Amino acid sequence: MQDLELEIPENDEKVITAVDATGIKVTNRGEWIRKYHDGRRKGWIKVHVAVDVESGEMLSIEVTDEKTGDSEVFEEL
């Protein structure tokens, strides 16, 4: 995976942060054929995001595989 560089201005104000994650299916047109014939499938990637609630600015983002739990990424955000 490649790191995404975000510049976050430093200030002394308190920031209310919302953290959430969502899954994005990694697929192509032939996936159902592979799954039907040999049982293999492509998985998911998970996008974990921290956002400043007041401004809506993205503060941090992590992209992981489907096996990584939200709690494992929380401190990195």
PDB file of N, CA and C in Angstrom:
ATOM      1  N   MET A   1       0.837  -1.177   0.000  1.00  0.00           N
ATOM      2  CA  MET A   1       0.000   0.000   0.000  1.00  0.00           C
ATOM      3  C   MET A   1       0.885   1.245   0.000  1.00  0.00           C
ATOM      4  N   GLN A   2       0.358   2.316  -0.521  1.00  0.00           N
ATOM      5  CA  GLN A   2       1.098   3.558  -0.609  1.00  0.00           C
ATOM      6  C   GLN A   2       0.541   4.543   0.408  1.00  0.00           C
ATOM      7  N   ASP A   3       1.438   5.291   1.079  1.00  0.00           N
ATOM      8  CA  ASP A   3       1.007   6.285   2.053  1.00  0.00           C
ATOM      9  C   ASP A   3       0.454   7.510   1.349  1.00  0.00           C
ATOM     10  N   LEU A   4      -0.618   8.065   1.901  1.00  0.00           N
ATOM     11  CA  LEU A   4      -1.210   9.293   1.405  1.00  0.00           C
ATOM     12  C   LEU A   4      -0.748  10.413   2.316  1.00  0.00           C
ATOM     13  N   GLU A   5      -0.107  11.419   1.758  1.00  0.00           N
ATOM     14  CA  GLU A   5       0.417  12.522   2.550  1.00  0.00           C
ATOM     15  C   GLU A   5      -0.647  13.605   2.710  1.00  0.00           C
ATOM     16  N   LEU A   6      -1.009  13.914   3.953  1.00  0.00           N
ATOM     17  CA  LEU A   6      -1.945  14.992   4.248  1.00  0.00           C
ATOM     18  C   LEU A   6      -1.245  16.009   5.130  1.00  0.00           C
ATOM     19  N   GLU A   7      -1.377  17.286   4.788  1.00  0.00           N
ATOM     20  CA  GLU A   7      -0.801  18.329   5.624  1.00  0.00           C
ATOM     21  C   GLU A   7      -1.872  18.827   6.581  1.00  0.00           C
ATOM     22  N   ILE A   8      -1.599  18.691   7.872  1.00  0.00           N
ATOM     23  CA  ILE A   8      -2.547  19.107   8.895  1.00  0.00           C
ATOM     24  C   ILE A   8      -1.950  20.292   9.641  1.00  0.00           C
ATOM     25  N   PRO A   9      -2.596  21.460   9.564  1.00  0.00           N
ATOM     26  CA  PRO A   9      -2.061  22.618  10.273  1.00  0.00           C
ATOM     27  C   PRO A   9      -2.131  22.397  11.783  1.00  0.00           C
ATOM     28  N   GLU A  10      -1.083  22.826  12.470  1.00  0.00           N
ATOM     29  CA  GLU A  10      -1.059  22.681  13.922  1.00  0.00           C
ATOM     30  C   GLU A  10      -1.694  23.902  14.567  1.00  0.00           C
ATOM     31  N   ASN A  11      -2.520  23.661  15.585  1.00  0.00           N
ATOM     32  CA  ASN A  11      -3.088  24.750  16.367  1.00  0.00           C
ATOM     33  C   ASN A  11      -3.377  24.230  17.767  1.00  0.00           C
ATOM     34  N   ASP A  12      -3.698  25.141  18.668  1.00  0.00           N
ATOM     35  CA  ASP A  12      -3.932  24.771  20.061  1.00  0.00           C
ATOM     36  C   ASP A  12      -5.410  24.537  20.365  1.00  0.00           C
ATOM     37  N   GLU A  13      -6.276  24.663  19.358  1.00  0.00           N
ATOM     38  CA  GLU A  13      -7.703  24.480  19.576  1.00  0.00           C
ATOM     39  C   GLU A  13      -8.042  22.997  19.691  1.00  0.00           C
ATOM     40  N   LYS A  14      -9.080  22.709  20.481  1.00  0.00           N
ATOM     41  CA  LYS A  14      -9.552  21.335  20.584  1.00  0.00           C
ATOM     42  C   LYS A  14     -10.299  20.978  19.306  1.00  0.00           C
ATOM     43  N   VAL A  15     -10.142  19.736  18.882  1.00  0.00           N
ATOM     44  CA  VAL A  15     -10.787  19.267  17.662  1.00  0.00           C
ATOM     45  C   VAL A  15     -11.667  18.073  18.008  1.00  0.00           C
ATOM     46  N   ILE A  16     -12.930  18.135  17.608  1.00  0.00           N
ATOM     47  CA  ILE A  16     -13.834  17.001  17.774  1.00  0.00           C
ATOM     48  C   ILE A  16     -13.678  16.143  16.526  1.00  0.00           C
ATOM     49  N   THR A  17     -13.317  14.877  16.738  1.00  0.00           N
ATOM     50  CA  THR A  17     -12.985  14.002  15.625  1.00  0.00           C
ATOM     51  C   THR A  17     -13.959  12.832  15.546  1.00  0.00           C
ATOM     52  N   ALA A  18     -14.428  12.539  14.340  1.00  0.00           N
ATOM     53  CA  ALA A  18     -15.250  11.354  14.084  1.00  0.00           C
ATOM     54  C   ALA A  18     -14.387  10.349  13.331  1.00  0.00           C
ATOM     55  N   VAL A  19     -14.470   9.085  13.734  1.00  0.00           N
ATOM     56  CA  VAL A  19     -13.688   8.020  13.100  1.00  0.00           C
ATOM     57  C   VAL A  19     -14.658   6.966  12.591  1.00  0.00           C
ATOM     58  N   ASP A  20     -14.461   6.536  11.342  1.00  0.00           N
ATOM     59  CA  ASP A  20     -15.327   5.511  10.768  1.00  0.00           C
ATOM     60  C   ASP A  20     -14.548   4.730   9.715  1.00  0.00           C
ATOM     61  N   ALA A  21     -15.104   3.605   9.302  1.00  0.00           N
ATOM     62  CA  ALA A  21     -14.478   2.776   8.272  1.00  0.00           C
ATOM     63  C   ALA A  21     -15.564   2.209   7.373  1.00  0.00           C
ATOM     64  N   THR A  22     -15.186   1.912   6.143  1.00  0.00           N
ATOM     65  CA  THR A  22     -16.102   1.274   5.210  1.00  0.00           C
ATOM     66  C   THR A  22     -15.319   0.305   4.340  1.00  0.00           C
ATOM     67  N   GLY A  23     -15.998  -0.669   3.802  1.00  0.00           N
ATOM     68  CA  GLY A  23     -15.354  -1.649   2.937  1.00  0.00           C
ATOM     69  C   GLY A  23     -15.641  -1.355   1.479  1.00  0.00           C
ATOM     70  N   ILE A  24     -14.648  -1.616   0.634  1.00  0.00           N
ATOM     71  CA  ILE A  24     -14.800  -1.442  -0.807  1.00  0.00           C
ATOM     72  C   ILE A  24     -14.443  -2.772  -1.454  1.00  0.00           C
ATOM     73  N   LYS A  25     -15.364  -3.326  -2.203  1.00  0.00           N
ATOM     74  CA  LYS A  25     -15.146  -4.632  -2.817  1.00  0.00           C
ATOM     75  C   LYS A  25     -14.182  -4.512  -3.989  1.00  0.00           C
ATOM     76  N   VAL A  26     -13.208  -5.406  -4.013  1.00  0.00           N
ATOM     77  CA  VAL A  26     -12.241  -5.459  -5.105  1.00  0.00           C
ATOM     78  C   VAL A  26     -12.727  -6.551  -6.051  1.00  0.00           C
ATOM     79  N   THR A  27     -13.169  -6.162  -7.228  1.00  0.00           N
ATOM     80  CA  THR A  27     -13.768  -7.130  -8.136  1.00  0.00           C
ATOM     81  C   THR A  27     -13.526  -6.731  -9.588  1.00  0.00           C
ATOM     82  N   ASN A  28     -13.861  -7.627 -10.456  1.00  0.00           N
ATOM     83  CA  ASN A  28     -13.884  -7.328 -11.877  1.00  0.00           C
ATOM     84  C   ASN A  28     -15.006  -8.142 -12.511  1.00  0.00           C
ATOM     85  N   ARG A  29     -15.177  -8.011 -13.806  1.00  0.00           N
ATOM     86  CA  ARG A  29     -16.314  -8.653 -14.475  1.00  0.00           C
ATOM     87  C   ARG A  29     -16.345 -10.166 -14.311  1.00  0.00           C
ATOM     88  N   GLY A  30     -15.205 -10.812 -14.252  1.00  0.00           N
ATOM     89  CA  GLY A  30     -15.175 -12.268 -14.227  1.00  0.00           C
ATOM     90  C   GLY A  30     -15.208 -12.891 -12.848  1.00  0.00           C
ATOM     91  N   GLU A  31     -15.413 -12.098 -11.800  1.00  0.00           N
ATOM     92  CA  GLU A  31     -15.345 -12.659 -10.449  1.00  0.00           C
ATOM     93  C   GLU A  31     -16.394 -13.740 -10.214  1.00  0.00           C
ATOM     94  N   TRP A  32     -17.620 -13.540 -10.645  1.00  0.00           N
ATOM     95  CA  TRP A  32     -18.658 -14.538 -10.385  1.00  0.00           C
ATOM     96  C   TRP A  32     -18.325 -15.861 -11.063  1.00  0.00           C
ATOM     97  N   ILE A  33     -17.635 -15.811 -12.211  1.00  0.00           N
ATOM     98  CA  ILE A  33     -17.235 -17.048 -12.896  1.00  0.00           C
ATOM     99  C   ILE A  33     -16.192 -17.790 -12.066  1.00  0.00           C
ATOM    100  N   ARG A  34     -15.171 -17.066 -11.563  1.00  0.00           N
ATOM    101  CA  ARG A  34     -14.146 -17.684 -10.717  1.00  0.00           C
ATOM    102  C   ARG A  34     -14.766 -18.289  -9.466  1.00  0.00           C
ATOM    103  N   LYS A  35     -15.655 -17.543  -8.827  1.00  0.00           N
ATOM    104  CA  LYS A  35     -16.278 -18.024  -7.593  1.00  0.00           C
ATOM    105  C   LYS A  35     -17.113 -19.276  -7.866  1.00  0.00           C
ATOM    106  N   TYR A  36     -17.839 -19.279  -8.968  1.00  0.00           N
ATOM    107  CA  TYR A  36     -18.699 -20.411  -9.310  1.00  0.00           C
ATOM    108  C   TYR A  36     -17.875 -21.655  -9.635  1.00  0.00           C
ATOM    109  N   HIS A  37     -16.778 -21.498 -10.383  1.00  0.00           N
ATOM    110  CA  HIS A  37     -16.021 -22.652 -10.855  1.00  0.00           C
ATOM    111  C   HIS A  37     -14.973 -23.160  -9.873  1.00  0.00           C
ATOM    112  N   ASP A  38     -14.285 -22.287  -9.167  1.00  0.00           N
ATOM    113  CA  ASP A  38     -13.232 -22.799  -8.280  1.00  0.00           C
ATOM    114  C   ASP A  38     -13.298 -22.247  -6.857  1.00  0.00           C
ATOM    115  N   GLY A  39     -14.319 -21.483  -6.532  1.00  0.00           N
ATOM    116  CA  GLY A  39     -14.518 -21.034  -5.159  1.00  0.00           C
ATOM    117  C   GLY A  39     -13.643 -19.878  -4.713  1.00  0.00           C
ATOM    118  N   ARG A  40     -12.677 -19.458  -5.537  1.00  0.00           N
ATOM    119  CA  ARG A  40     -11.831 -18.330  -5.146  1.00  0.00           C
ATOM    120  C   ARG A  40     -12.575 -17.024  -5.361  1.00  0.00           C
ATOM    121  N   ARG A  41     -12.226 -16.040  -4.561  1.00  0.00           N
ATOM    122  CA  ARG A  41     -12.818 -14.722  -4.739  1.00  0.00           C
ATOM    123  C   ARG A  41     -11.802 -13.673  -4.349  1.00  0.00           C
ATOM    124  N   LYS A  42     -11.976 -12.497  -4.902  1.00  0.00           N
ATOM    125  CA  LYS A  42     -11.160 -11.377  -4.464  1.00  0.00           C
ATOM    126  C   LYS A  42     -11.830 -10.798  -3.236  1.00  0.00           C
ATOM    127  N   GLY A  43     -11.063 -10.132  -2.408  1.00  0.00           N
ATOM    128  CA  GLY A  43     -11.606  -9.650  -1.150  1.00  0.00           C
ATOM    129  C   GLY A  43     -12.025  -8.198  -1.172  1.00  0.00           C
ATOM    130  N   TRP A  44     -11.892  -7.593  -0.023  1.00  0.00           N
ATOM    131  CA  TRP A  44     -12.283  -6.213   0.209  1.00  0.00           C
ATOM    132  C   TRP A  44     -11.068  -5.437   0.671  1.00  0.00           C
ATOM    133  N   ILE A  45     -11.106  -4.127   0.479  1.00  0.00           N
ATOM    134  CA  ILE A  45     -10.177  -3.252   1.169  1.00  0.00           C
ATOM    135  C   ILE A  45     -11.019  -2.417   2.120  1.00  0.00           C
ATOM    136  N   LYS A  46     -10.425  -2.019   3.234  1.00  0.00           N
ATOM    137  CA  LYS A  46     -11.143  -1.193   4.201  1.00  0.00           C
ATOM    138  C   LYS A  46     -10.477   0.170   4.256  1.00  0.00           C
ATOM    139  N   VAL A  47     -11.296   1.202   4.254  1.00  0.00           N
ATOM    140  CA  VAL A  47     -10.807   2.573   4.346  1.00  0.00           C
ATOM    141  C   VAL A  47     -11.248   3.118   5.702  1.00  0.00           C
ATOM    142  N   HIS A  48     -10.270   3.473   6.542  1.00  0.00           N
ATOM    143  CA  HIS A  48     -10.512   4.017   7.875  1.00  0.00           C
ATOM    144  C   HIS A  48     -10.198   5.508   7.811  1.00  0.00           C
ATOM    145  N   VAL A  49     -11.123   6.359   8.269  1.00  0.00           N
ATOM    146  CA  VAL A  49     -10.969   7.803   8.119  1.00  0.00           C
ATOM    147  C   VAL A  49     -11.252   8.503   9.448  1.00  0.00           C
ATOM    148  N   ALA A  50     -10.450   9.544   9.741  1.00  0.00           N
ATOM    149  CA  ALA A  50     -10.710  10.440  10.869  1.00  0.00           C
ATOM    150  C   ALA A  50     -11.012  11.817  10.287  1.00  0.00           C
ATOM    151  N   VAL A  51     -12.137  12.427  10.724  1.00  0.00           N
ATOM    152  CA  VAL A  51     -12.594  13.697  10.165  1.00  0.00           C
ATOM    153  C   VAL A  51     -12.861  14.692  11.292  1.00  0.00           C
ATOM    154  N   ASP A  52     -12.475  15.958  11.073  1.00  0.00           N
ATOM    155  CA  ASP A  52     -12.819  17.046  11.986  1.00  0.00           C
ATOM    156  C   ASP A  52     -14.312  17.319  11.812  1.00  0.00           C
ATOM    157  N   VAL A  53     -15.094  17.136  12.878  1.00  0.00           N
ATOM    158  CA  VAL A  53     -16.548  17.242  12.798  1.00  0.00           C
ATOM    159  C   VAL A  53     -16.995  18.648  12.405  1.00  0.00           C
ATOM    160  N   GLU A  54     -16.353  19.672  12.932  1.00  0.00           N
ATOM    161  CA  GLU A  54     -16.797  21.043  12.669  1.00  0.00           C
ATOM    162  C   GLU A  54     -16.453  21.518  11.258  1.00  0.00           C
ATOM    163  N   SER A  55     -15.239  21.253  10.797  1.00  0.00           N
ATOM    164  CA  SER A  55     -14.822  21.767   9.485  1.00  0.00           C
ATOM    165  C   SER A  55     -15.069  20.774   8.353  1.00  0.00           C
ATOM    166  N   GLY A  56     -15.211  19.487   8.686  1.00  0.00           N
ATOM    167  CA  GLY A  56     -15.374  18.466   7.661  1.00  0.00           C
ATOM    168  C   GLY A  56     -14.064  18.053   7.011  1.00  0.00           C
ATOM    169  N   GLU A  57     -12.940  18.574   7.513  1.00  0.00           N
ATOM    170  CA  GLU A  57     -11.636  18.236   6.947  1.00  0.00           C
ATOM    171  C   GLU A  57     -11.221  16.827   7.330  1.00  0.00           C
ATOM    172  N   MET A  58     -10.619  16.112   6.373  1.00  0.00           N
ATOM    173  CA  MET A  58     -10.092  14.786   6.642  1.00  0.00           C
ATOM    174  C   MET A  58      -8.765  14.950   7.376  1.00  0.00           C
ATOM    175  N   LEU A  59      -8.646  14.332   8.548  1.00  0.00           N
ATOM    176  CA  LEU A  59      -7.437  14.448   9.349  1.00  0.00           C
ATOM    177  C   LEU A  59      -6.472  13.299   9.113  1.00  0.00           C
ATOM    178  N   SER A  60      -7.015  12.108   8.838  1.00  0.00           N
ATOM    179  CA  SER A  60      -6.170  10.938   8.658  1.00  0.00           C
ATOM    180  C   SER A  60      -6.933   9.876   7.880  1.00  0.00           C
ATOM    181  N   ILE A  61      -6.178   9.041   7.154  1.00  0.00           N
ATOM    182  CA  ILE A  61      -6.790   7.941   6.404  1.00  0.00           C
ATOM    183  C   ILE A  61      -5.824   6.763   6.404  1.00  0.00           C
ATOM    184  N   GLU A  62      -6.361   5.566   6.581  1.00  0.00           N
ATOM    185  CA  GLU A  62      -5.587   4.325   6.504  1.00  0.00           C
ATOM    186  C   GLU A  62      -6.362   3.352   5.624  1.00  0.00           C
ATOM    187  N   VAL A  63      -5.674   2.665   4.728  1.00  0.00           N
ATOM    188  CA  VAL A  63      -6.290   1.648   3.883  1.00  0.00           C
ATOM    189  C   VAL A  63      -5.685   0.305   4.272  1.00  0.00           C
ATOM    190  N   THR A  64      -6.552  -0.668   4.600  1.00  0.00           N
ATOM    191  CA  THR A  64      -6.089  -1.980   5.047  1.00  0.00           C
ATOM    192  C   THR A  64      -6.825  -3.073   4.277  1.00  0.00           C
ATOM    193  N   ASP A  65      -6.468  -4.321   4.576  1.00  0.00           N
ATOM    194  CA  ASP A  65      -7.195  -5.432   3.972  1.00  0.00           C
ATOM    195  C   ASP A  65      -8.429  -5.751   4.814  1.00  0.00           C
ATOM    196  N   GLU A  66      -9.222  -6.688   4.341  1.00  0.00           N
ATOM    197  CA  GLU A  66     -10.490  -7.013   4.995  1.00  0.00           C
ATOM    198  C   GLU A  66     -10.325  -7.670   6.360  1.00  0.00           C
ATOM    199  N   LYS A  67      -9.141  -8.185   6.655  1.00  0.00           N
ATOM    200  CA  LYS A  67      -8.926  -8.907   7.906  1.00  0.00           C
ATOM    201  C   LYS A  67      -8.498  -8.002   9.054  1.00  0.00           C
ATOM    202  N   THR A  68      -8.217  -6.733   8.778  1.00  0.00           N
ATOM    203  CA  THR A  68      -7.761  -5.805   9.808  1.00  0.00           C
ATOM    204  C   THR A  68      -8.963  -5.188  10.509  1.00  0.00           C
ATOM    205  N   GLY A  69      -9.015  -5.338  11.824  1.00  0.00           N
ATOM    206  CA  GLY A  69     -10.122  -4.797  12.599  1.00  0.00           C
ATOM    207  C   GLY A  69      -9.997  -3.294  12.804  1.00  0.00           C
ATOM    208  N   ASP A  70     -11.129  -2.644  13.017  1.00  0.00           N
ATOM    209  CA  ASP A  70     -11.143  -1.198  13.218  1.00  0.00           C
ATOM    210  C   ASP A  70     -10.295  -0.787  14.419  1.00  0.00           C
ATOM    211  N   SER A  71     -10.351  -1.570  15.493  1.00  0.00           N
ATOM    212  CA  SER A  71      -9.604  -1.215  16.703  1.00  0.00           C
ATOM    213  C   SER A  71      -8.094  -1.284  16.490  1.00  0.00           C
ATOM    214  N   GLU A  72      -7.635  -2.097  15.542  1.00  0.00           N
ATOM    215  CA  GLU A  72      -6.201  -2.200  15.258  1.00  0.00           C
ATOM    216  C   GLU A  72      -5.656  -0.934  14.608  1.00  0.00           C
ATOM    217  N   VAL A  73      -6.498  -0.180  13.936  1.00  0.00           N
ATOM    218  CA  VAL A  73      -6.073   1.001  13.188  1.00  0.00           C
ATOM    219  C   VAL A  73      -6.350   2.292  13.960  1.00  0.00           C
ATOM    220  N   PHE A  74      -7.223   2.230  14.959  1.00  0.00           N
ATOM    221  CA  PHE A  74      -7.700   3.428  15.649  1.00  0.00           C
ATOM    222  C   PHE A  74      -6.570   4.326  16.152  1.00  0.00           C
ATOM    223  N   GLU A  75      -5.578   3.771  16.826  1.00  0.00           N
ATOM    224  CA  GLU A  75      -4.499   4.594  17.381  1.00  0.00           C
ATOM    225  C   GLU A  75      -3.650   5.246  16.295  1.00  0.00           C
ATOM    226  N   GLU A  76      -3.503   4.594  15.143  1.00  0.00           N
ATOM    227  CA  GLU A  76      -2.725   5.169  14.045  1.00  0.00           C
ATOM    228  C   GLU A  76      -3.418   6.381  13.436  1.00  0.00           C
ATOM    229  N   LEU A  77      -4.757   6.401  13.507  1.00  0.00           N
ATOM    230  CA  LEU A  77      -5.498   7.530  12.959  1.00  0.00           C
ATOM    231  C   LEU A  77      -5.274   8.738  13.843  1.00  0.00           C
TER     232      LEU A  77
END
